[in-house]
């Protein structure tokens, strides 16, 4: 079942259950996917493009949630936390920190990186491997740690 079919099915369930929050999140994701398809000029997005859009939406919510928490707006932060929870099932399984660390070490060896100057090379090689499976900021921190 494609992501769009899954979203449509979940949207119907949310309508039947009168779950306005779930319905809102699903509609938002569908709109983002459609906007990306229009932007790319294609009828349907590839699975990789879908993951990119979902990852972007998730990242926006995480960033906003941090800002709301910093501003003591717990009501808005909790709303975003529930939206993040609703988006998680649509993404591939996330890699654990140890798996990401292992990938970072392997990539550093492949690239032959020895100092912080090679940070860009390592990130360029590792990000396609972890796309949608790990948070970019976690990857960035681990790469910096290993290159230090």
N, C-alpha and C. Protein backbone atom coordinates (compact mmCIF):
# COMPACT_ATOMS: atom_id res chain seq x y z
N UNK A 1 0.85 -1.17 0.00
CA UNK A 1 0.00 0.00 0.00
C UNK A 1 0.90 1.24 0.00
N UNK A 2 0.64 2.14 -0.93
CA UNK A 2 1.43 3.36 -1.02
C UNK A 2 1.09 4.30 0.13
N UNK A 3 1.94 5.29 0.32
CA UNK A 3 1.73 6.24 1.41
C UNK A 3 0.42 7.00 1.21
N UNK A 4 0.15 7.42 -0.02
CA UNK A 4 -1.07 8.17 -0.29
C UNK A 4 -2.32 7.34 -0.02
N UNK A 5 -2.29 6.06 -0.40
CA UNK A 5 -3.42 5.17 -0.12
C UNK A 5 -3.60 4.99 1.39
N UNK A 6 -2.48 4.84 2.09
CA UNK A 6 -2.54 4.69 3.54
C UNK A 6 -3.11 5.95 4.20
N UNK A 7 -2.67 7.12 3.72
CA UNK A 7 -3.19 8.38 4.25
C UNK A 7 -4.69 8.51 3.99
N UNK A 8 -5.13 8.15 2.79
CA UNK A 8 -6.56 8.22 2.46
C UNK A 8 -7.38 7.29 3.37
N UNK A 9 -6.86 6.09 3.60
CA UNK A 9 -7.56 5.14 4.46
C UNK A 9 -7.63 5.67 5.90
N UNK A 10 -6.51 6.19 6.39
CA UNK A 10 -6.49 6.74 7.75
C UNK A 10 -7.36 7.99 7.86
N UNK A 11 -7.46 8.75 6.78
CA UNK A 11 -8.31 9.93 6.79
C UNK A 11 -9.78 9.53 6.93
N UNK A 12 -10.17 8.47 6.21
CA UNK A 12 -11.55 7.97 6.33
C UNK A 12 -11.84 7.52 7.75
N UNK A 13 -10.87 6.81 8.35
CA UNK A 13 -11.05 6.34 9.73
C UNK A 13 -11.17 7.51 10.69
N UNK A 14 -10.35 8.53 10.48
CA UNK A 14 -10.40 9.71 11.36
C UNK A 14 -11.73 10.44 11.21
N UNK A 15 -12.27 10.47 9.99
CA UNK A 15 -13.57 11.12 9.76
C UNK A 15 -14.67 10.35 10.49
N UNK A 16 -14.63 9.02 10.37
CA UNK A 16 -15.64 8.19 11.03
C UNK A 16 -15.57 8.34 12.55
N UNK A 17 -14.34 8.45 13.07
CA UNK A 17 -14.15 8.56 14.51
C UNK A 17 -14.30 10.00 15.00
N UNK A 18 -14.49 10.92 14.06
CA UNK A 18 -14.61 12.35 14.37
C UNK A 18 -13.38 12.86 15.14
N UNK A 19 -12.21 12.35 14.73
CA UNK A 19 -10.94 12.75 15.34
C UNK A 19 -10.38 13.92 14.54
N UNK A 20 -10.72 15.13 14.97
CA UNK A 20 -10.36 16.34 14.23
C UNK A 20 -8.86 16.56 14.16
N UNK A 21 -8.15 16.25 15.24
CA UNK A 21 -6.70 16.47 15.26
C UNK A 21 -6.00 15.54 14.26
N UNK A 22 -6.35 14.26 14.28
CA UNK A 22 -5.77 13.29 13.34
C UNK A 22 -6.10 13.69 11.91
N UNK A 23 -7.33 14.07 11.68
CA UNK A 23 -7.78 14.48 10.36
C UNK A 23 -6.98 15.69 9.87
N UNK A 24 -6.76 16.63 10.73
CA UNK A 24 -6.00 17.83 10.39
C UNK A 24 -4.56 17.48 10.00
N UNK A 25 -3.93 16.61 10.76
CA UNK A 25 -2.54 16.21 10.47
C UNK A 25 -2.48 15.47 9.14
N UNK A 26 -3.40 14.57 8.89
CA UNK A 26 -3.40 13.81 7.65
C UNK A 26 -3.62 14.73 6.45
N UNK A 27 -4.54 15.66 6.58
CA UNK A 27 -4.78 16.61 5.49
C UNK A 27 -3.54 17.46 5.22
N UNK A 28 -2.87 17.86 6.28
CA UNK A 28 -1.66 18.65 6.13
C UNK A 28 -0.59 17.86 5.39
N UNK A 29 -0.40 16.60 5.74
CA UNK A 29 0.59 15.76 5.08
C UNK A 29 0.23 15.56 3.61
N UNK A 30 -1.03 15.30 3.36
CA UNK A 30 -1.47 15.12 1.96
C UNK A 30 -1.22 16.38 1.15
N UNK A 31 -1.52 17.54 1.73
CA UNK A 31 -1.30 18.80 1.03
C UNK A 31 0.19 19.01 0.75
N UNK A 32 1.03 18.68 1.71
CA UNK A 32 2.48 18.82 1.51
C UNK A 32 2.96 17.90 0.40
N UNK A 33 2.44 16.68 0.38
CA UNK A 33 2.83 15.74 -0.67
C UNK A 33 2.37 16.23 -2.05
N UNK A 34 1.15 16.74 -2.12
CA UNK A 34 0.64 17.26 -3.39
C UNK A 34 1.42 18.49 -3.84
N UNK A 35 1.76 19.37 -2.90
CA UNK A 35 2.54 20.56 -3.24
C UNK A 35 3.92 20.17 -3.78
N UNK A 36 4.52 19.18 -3.17
CA UNK A 36 5.84 18.71 -3.63
C UNK A 36 5.74 18.10 -5.03
N UNK A 37 4.67 17.35 -5.29
CA UNK A 37 4.47 16.76 -6.62
C UNK A 37 4.31 17.86 -7.67
N UNK A 38 3.57 18.88 -7.32
CA UNK A 38 3.37 20.01 -8.24
C UNK A 38 4.70 20.71 -8.47
N UNK A 39 5.44 20.92 -7.40
CA UNK A 39 6.73 21.60 -7.49
C UNK A 39 7.70 20.83 -8.38
N UNK A 40 7.70 19.50 -8.26
CA UNK A 40 8.58 18.66 -9.06
C UNK A 40 8.01 18.39 -10.46
N UNK A 41 6.74 18.72 -10.66
CA UNK A 41 6.10 18.52 -11.96
C UNK A 41 5.84 17.07 -12.30
N UNK A 42 5.49 16.28 -11.27
CA UNK A 42 5.20 14.86 -11.49
C UNK A 42 3.79 14.54 -11.01
N UNK A 43 3.26 13.44 -11.51
CA UNK A 43 1.92 13.00 -11.12
C UNK A 43 1.93 12.41 -9.71
N UNK A 44 2.89 11.50 -9.47
CA UNK A 44 3.02 10.89 -8.15
C UNK A 44 4.49 10.95 -7.72
N UNK A 45 4.69 11.08 -6.43
CA UNK A 45 6.05 11.16 -5.89
C UNK A 45 6.64 9.77 -5.72
N UNK A 46 7.96 9.69 -5.82
CA UNK A 46 8.64 8.43 -5.53
C UNK A 46 8.63 8.24 -4.01
N UNK A 47 8.92 7.03 -3.59
CA UNK A 47 8.93 6.74 -2.16
C UNK A 47 9.98 7.61 -1.45
N UNK A 48 11.10 7.82 -2.10
CA UNK A 48 12.16 8.66 -1.52
C UNK A 48 11.69 10.10 -1.34
N UNK A 49 10.97 10.63 -2.33
CA UNK A 49 10.44 11.99 -2.23
C UNK A 49 9.40 12.09 -1.11
N UNK A 50 8.58 11.06 -0.97
CA UNK A 50 7.58 11.05 0.10
C UNK A 50 8.26 11.10 1.47
N UNK A 51 9.31 10.31 1.62
CA UNK A 51 10.05 10.29 2.88
C UNK A 51 10.68 11.65 3.15
N UNK A 52 11.18 12.29 2.10
CA UNK A 52 11.78 13.61 2.24
C UNK A 52 10.74 14.61 2.75
N UNK A 53 9.55 14.59 2.19
CA UNK A 53 8.49 15.51 2.60
C UNK A 53 8.09 15.23 4.04
N UNK A 54 7.90 13.97 4.38
CA UNK A 54 7.52 13.62 5.76
C UNK A 54 8.62 14.03 6.75
N UNK A 55 9.85 13.80 6.39
CA UNK A 55 10.97 14.19 7.26
C UNK A 55 10.99 15.69 7.47
N UNK A 56 10.73 16.44 6.41
CA UNK A 56 10.71 17.90 6.50
C UNK A 56 9.59 18.36 7.44
N UNK A 57 8.42 17.76 7.29
CA UNK A 57 7.29 18.12 8.16
C UNK A 57 7.60 17.81 9.62
N UNK A 58 8.21 16.66 9.85
CA UNK A 58 8.57 16.25 11.20
C UNK A 58 9.61 17.20 11.80
N UNK A 59 10.59 17.56 11.00
CA UNK A 59 11.64 18.47 11.47
C UNK A 59 11.06 19.83 11.82
N UNK A 60 10.14 20.34 11.00
CA UNK A 60 9.52 21.63 11.29
C UNK A 60 8.80 21.59 12.63
N UNK A 61 8.10 20.50 12.88
CA UNK A 61 7.37 20.38 14.14
C UNK A 61 8.30 20.27 15.34
N UNK A 62 9.38 19.51 15.18
CA UNK A 62 10.34 19.39 16.28
C UNK A 62 10.97 20.74 16.60
N UNK A 63 11.37 21.47 15.55
CA UNK A 63 11.97 22.79 15.76
C UNK A 63 10.99 23.75 16.43
N UNK A 64 9.75 23.74 15.96
CA UNK A 64 8.73 24.61 16.54
C UNK A 64 8.46 24.23 18.00
N UNK A 65 8.45 22.93 18.27
CA UNK A 65 8.19 22.45 19.61
C UNK A 65 9.28 22.95 20.57
N UNK A 66 10.54 22.90 20.13
CA UNK A 66 11.64 23.40 20.96
C UNK A 66 11.46 24.89 21.26
N UNK A 67 11.06 25.64 20.24
CA UNK A 67 10.86 27.08 20.42
C UNK A 67 9.70 27.35 21.38
N UNK A 68 8.61 26.60 21.25
CA UNK A 68 7.47 26.78 22.14
C UNK A 68 7.85 26.43 23.58
N UNK A 69 8.63 25.36 23.75
CA UNK A 69 9.06 24.99 25.09
C UNK A 69 9.95 26.07 25.69
N UNK A 70 10.81 26.65 24.87
CA UNK A 70 11.69 27.72 25.35
C UNK A 70 10.88 28.95 25.76
N UNK A 71 9.75 29.16 25.11
CA UNK A 71 8.89 30.31 25.41
C UNK A 71 7.82 29.97 26.45
N UNK A 72 7.93 28.79 27.07
CA UNK A 72 6.96 28.33 28.08
C UNK A 72 5.53 28.25 27.54
N UNK A 73 5.39 27.87 26.29
CA UNK A 73 4.06 27.65 25.70
C UNK A 73 3.82 26.15 25.64
N UNK A 74 3.61 25.55 26.80
CA UNK A 74 3.46 24.10 26.88
C UNK A 74 2.23 23.61 26.13
N UNK A 75 1.18 24.44 26.06
CA UNK A 75 -0.03 24.03 25.35
C UNK A 75 0.28 23.77 23.87
N UNK A 76 1.01 24.68 23.25
CA UNK A 76 1.36 24.52 21.83
C UNK A 76 2.39 23.41 21.64
N UNK A 77 3.32 23.29 22.58
CA UNK A 77 4.34 22.24 22.50
C UNK A 77 3.69 20.86 22.59
N UNK A 78 2.69 20.71 23.46
CA UNK A 78 1.99 19.42 23.59
C UNK A 78 1.22 19.08 22.32
N UNK A 79 0.62 20.10 21.70
CA UNK A 79 -0.12 19.88 20.45
C UNK A 79 0.84 19.37 19.36
N UNK A 80 2.02 19.99 19.28
CA UNK A 80 3.00 19.56 18.29
C UNK A 80 3.54 18.17 18.61
N UNK A 81 3.70 17.87 19.89
CA UNK A 81 4.18 16.54 20.28
C UNK A 81 3.19 15.46 19.82
N UNK A 82 1.90 15.74 19.94
CA UNK A 82 0.91 14.76 19.49
C UNK A 82 0.92 14.65 17.96
N UNK A 83 1.15 15.76 17.26
CA UNK A 83 1.25 15.71 15.80
C UNK A 83 2.46 14.89 15.37
N UNK A 84 3.58 15.07 16.07
CA UNK A 84 4.79 14.30 15.77
C UNK A 84 4.51 12.81 15.96
N UNK A 85 3.79 12.49 17.04
CA UNK A 85 3.44 11.10 17.32
C UNK A 85 2.58 10.51 16.19
N UNK A 86 1.69 11.34 15.62
CA UNK A 86 0.82 10.88 14.54
C UNK A 86 1.60 10.69 13.23
N UNK A 87 2.66 11.47 13.03
CA UNK A 87 3.44 11.38 11.80
C UNK A 87 4.43 10.21 11.81
N UNK A 88 4.89 9.81 12.98
CA UNK A 88 5.91 8.77 13.10
C UNK A 88 5.59 7.47 12.34
N UNK A 89 4.36 6.96 12.43
CA UNK A 89 4.10 5.67 11.76
C UNK A 89 4.26 5.70 10.23
N UNK A 90 4.22 6.88 9.64
CA UNK A 90 4.34 6.97 8.19
C UNK A 90 5.79 6.93 7.70
N UNK A 91 6.73 7.10 8.62
CA UNK A 91 8.15 7.08 8.27
C UNK A 91 8.72 5.69 8.48
N UNK A 92 9.83 5.38 7.80
CA UNK A 92 10.48 4.09 8.04
C UNK A 92 11.00 4.02 9.48
N UNK A 93 11.27 2.82 9.94
CA UNK A 93 11.77 2.64 11.30
C UNK A 93 13.05 3.44 11.49
N UNK A 94 13.14 4.11 12.62
CA UNK A 94 14.30 4.94 12.91
C UNK A 94 15.48 4.07 13.39
N UNK A 95 16.68 4.49 13.00
CA UNK A 95 17.88 3.79 13.43
C UNK A 95 18.19 4.19 14.87
N UNK A 96 18.74 3.25 15.62
CA UNK A 96 19.15 3.56 16.99
C UNK A 96 20.43 4.39 16.93
N UNK A 97 20.77 5.02 18.05
CA UNK A 97 21.98 5.86 18.07
C UNK A 97 23.24 5.03 17.82
N UNK A 98 23.25 3.79 18.31
CA UNK A 98 24.42 2.94 18.09
C UNK A 98 24.55 2.56 16.61
N UNK A 99 23.41 2.32 15.95
CA UNK A 99 23.45 2.02 14.51
C UNK A 99 23.94 3.22 13.72
N UNK A 100 23.48 4.40 14.10
CA UNK A 100 23.92 5.63 13.42
C UNK A 100 25.42 5.83 13.66
N UNK A 101 25.85 5.60 14.88
CA UNK A 101 27.27 5.77 15.22
C UNK A 101 28.13 4.81 14.40
N UNK A 102 27.65 3.58 14.22
CA UNK A 102 28.39 2.60 13.42
C UNK A 102 28.47 3.07 11.96
N UNK A 103 27.36 3.58 11.43
CA UNK A 103 27.36 4.10 10.06
C UNK A 103 28.32 5.28 9.92
N UNK A 104 28.36 6.13 10.93
CA UNK A 104 29.26 7.28 10.92
C UNK A 104 30.71 6.80 10.86
N UNK A 105 31.05 5.84 11.70
CA UNK A 105 32.42 5.31 11.72
C UNK A 105 32.79 4.68 10.38
N UNK A 106 31.87 3.89 9.80
CA UNK A 106 32.13 3.26 8.51
C UNK A 106 32.34 4.31 7.42
N UNK A 107 31.50 5.34 7.43
CA UNK A 107 31.58 6.39 6.42
C UNK A 107 32.88 7.17 6.56
N UNK A 108 33.29 7.45 7.78
CA UNK A 108 34.55 8.16 8.01
C UNK A 108 35.72 7.34 7.45
N UNK A 109 35.68 6.03 7.66
CA UNK A 109 36.73 5.16 7.12
C UNK A 109 36.70 5.14 5.60
N UNK A 110 35.50 5.06 5.00
CA UNK A 110 35.37 5.03 3.54
C UNK A 110 35.91 6.30 2.91
N UNK A 111 35.57 7.43 3.51
CA UNK A 111 35.97 8.73 2.97
C UNK A 111 37.45 8.99 3.26
N UNK A 112 37.95 8.38 4.31
CA UNK A 112 39.33 8.61 4.71
C UNK A 112 39.47 9.93 5.47
N UNK A 113 38.42 10.30 6.19
CA UNK A 113 38.42 11.56 6.92
C UNK A 113 39.32 11.45 8.15
N UNK A 114 40.06 12.53 8.40
CA UNK A 114 40.98 12.53 9.53
C UNK A 114 40.79 13.73 10.44
N UNK A 115 40.20 14.80 9.93
CA UNK A 115 40.05 16.01 10.76
C UNK A 115 38.69 16.65 10.52
N UNK A 116 38.44 17.74 11.25
CA UNK A 116 37.17 18.46 11.11
C UNK A 116 37.01 19.06 9.71
N UNK A 117 38.10 19.21 8.99
CA UNK A 117 38.04 19.75 7.63
C UNK A 117 37.25 18.83 6.69
N UNK A 118 37.20 17.54 7.04
CA UNK A 118 36.52 16.55 6.20
C UNK A 118 35.05 16.38 6.57
N UNK A 119 34.55 17.23 7.46
CA UNK A 119 33.17 17.13 7.94
C UNK A 119 32.17 17.12 6.77
N UNK A 120 32.32 18.04 5.84
CA UNK A 120 31.40 18.14 4.70
C UNK A 120 31.39 16.88 3.85
N UNK A 121 32.56 16.32 3.61
CA UNK A 121 32.67 15.09 2.81
C UNK A 121 31.91 13.94 3.48
N UNK A 122 32.10 13.82 4.79
CA UNK A 122 31.46 12.74 5.54
C UNK A 122 29.95 12.92 5.52
N UNK A 123 29.49 14.14 5.80
CA UNK A 123 28.04 14.40 5.82
C UNK A 123 27.42 14.14 4.45
N UNK A 124 28.12 14.53 3.40
CA UNK A 124 27.62 14.33 2.04
C UNK A 124 27.44 12.84 1.74
N UNK A 125 28.31 12.01 2.27
CA UNK A 125 28.23 10.57 2.04
C UNK A 125 27.21 9.88 2.93
N UNK A 126 27.07 10.36 4.16
CA UNK A 126 26.23 9.62 5.12
C UNK A 126 24.75 9.99 5.03
N UNK A 127 24.44 11.23 4.70
CA UNK A 127 23.03 11.66 4.73
C UNK A 127 22.13 10.85 3.80
N UNK A 128 22.54 10.51 2.58
CA UNK A 128 21.65 9.67 1.76
C UNK A 128 21.39 8.29 2.39
N UNK A 129 22.34 7.79 3.16
CA UNK A 129 22.19 6.48 3.79
C UNK A 129 21.16 6.49 4.92
N UNK A 130 21.05 7.63 5.61
CA UNK A 130 20.17 7.71 6.78
C UNK A 130 18.91 8.53 6.53
N UNK A 131 18.69 8.93 5.29
CA UNK A 131 17.56 9.79 4.96
C UNK A 131 16.24 9.19 5.45
N UNK A 132 15.56 9.94 6.31
CA UNK A 132 14.27 9.49 6.85
C UNK A 132 14.39 8.47 7.96
N UNK A 133 15.61 7.99 8.21
CA UNK A 133 15.79 6.96 9.24
C UNK A 133 16.48 7.49 10.49
N UNK A 134 17.04 8.70 10.39
CA UNK A 134 17.72 9.29 11.55
C UNK A 134 17.65 10.80 11.45
N UNK A 135 17.63 11.45 12.60
CA UNK A 135 17.60 12.90 12.67
C UNK A 135 18.96 13.45 12.24
N UNK A 136 18.96 14.41 11.34
CA UNK A 136 20.19 14.99 10.82
C UNK A 136 21.06 15.62 11.88
N UNK A 137 20.43 16.21 12.90
CA UNK A 137 21.23 16.85 13.96
C UNK A 137 21.98 15.80 14.78
N UNK A 138 21.39 14.63 14.98
CA UNK A 138 22.07 13.55 15.70
C UNK A 138 23.26 13.07 14.89
N UNK A 139 23.06 12.91 13.59
CA UNK A 139 24.14 12.47 12.70
C UNK A 139 25.26 13.50 12.74
N UNK A 140 24.90 14.76 12.65
CA UNK A 140 25.89 15.85 12.66
C UNK A 140 26.71 15.82 13.94
N UNK A 141 26.06 15.66 15.08
CA UNK A 141 26.78 15.61 16.36
C UNK A 141 27.74 14.44 16.42
N UNK A 142 27.30 13.28 15.93
CA UNK A 142 28.15 12.10 15.97
C UNK A 142 29.36 12.23 15.04
N UNK A 143 29.14 12.83 13.87
CA UNK A 143 30.25 13.04 12.94
C UNK A 143 31.27 14.00 13.57
N UNK A 144 30.78 15.08 14.15
CA UNK A 144 31.68 16.04 14.81
C UNK A 144 32.46 15.36 15.95
N UNK A 145 31.77 14.53 16.71
CA UNK A 145 32.41 13.84 17.83
C UNK A 145 33.55 12.93 17.35
N UNK A 146 33.30 12.20 16.26
CA UNK A 146 34.30 11.26 15.76
C UNK A 146 35.44 11.94 15.02
N UNK A 147 35.20 13.11 14.50
CA UNK A 147 36.25 13.83 13.78
C UNK A 147 37.08 14.71 14.72
N UNK A 148 36.64 14.85 15.95
CA UNK A 148 37.38 15.71 16.91
C UNK A 148 38.67 15.06 17.36
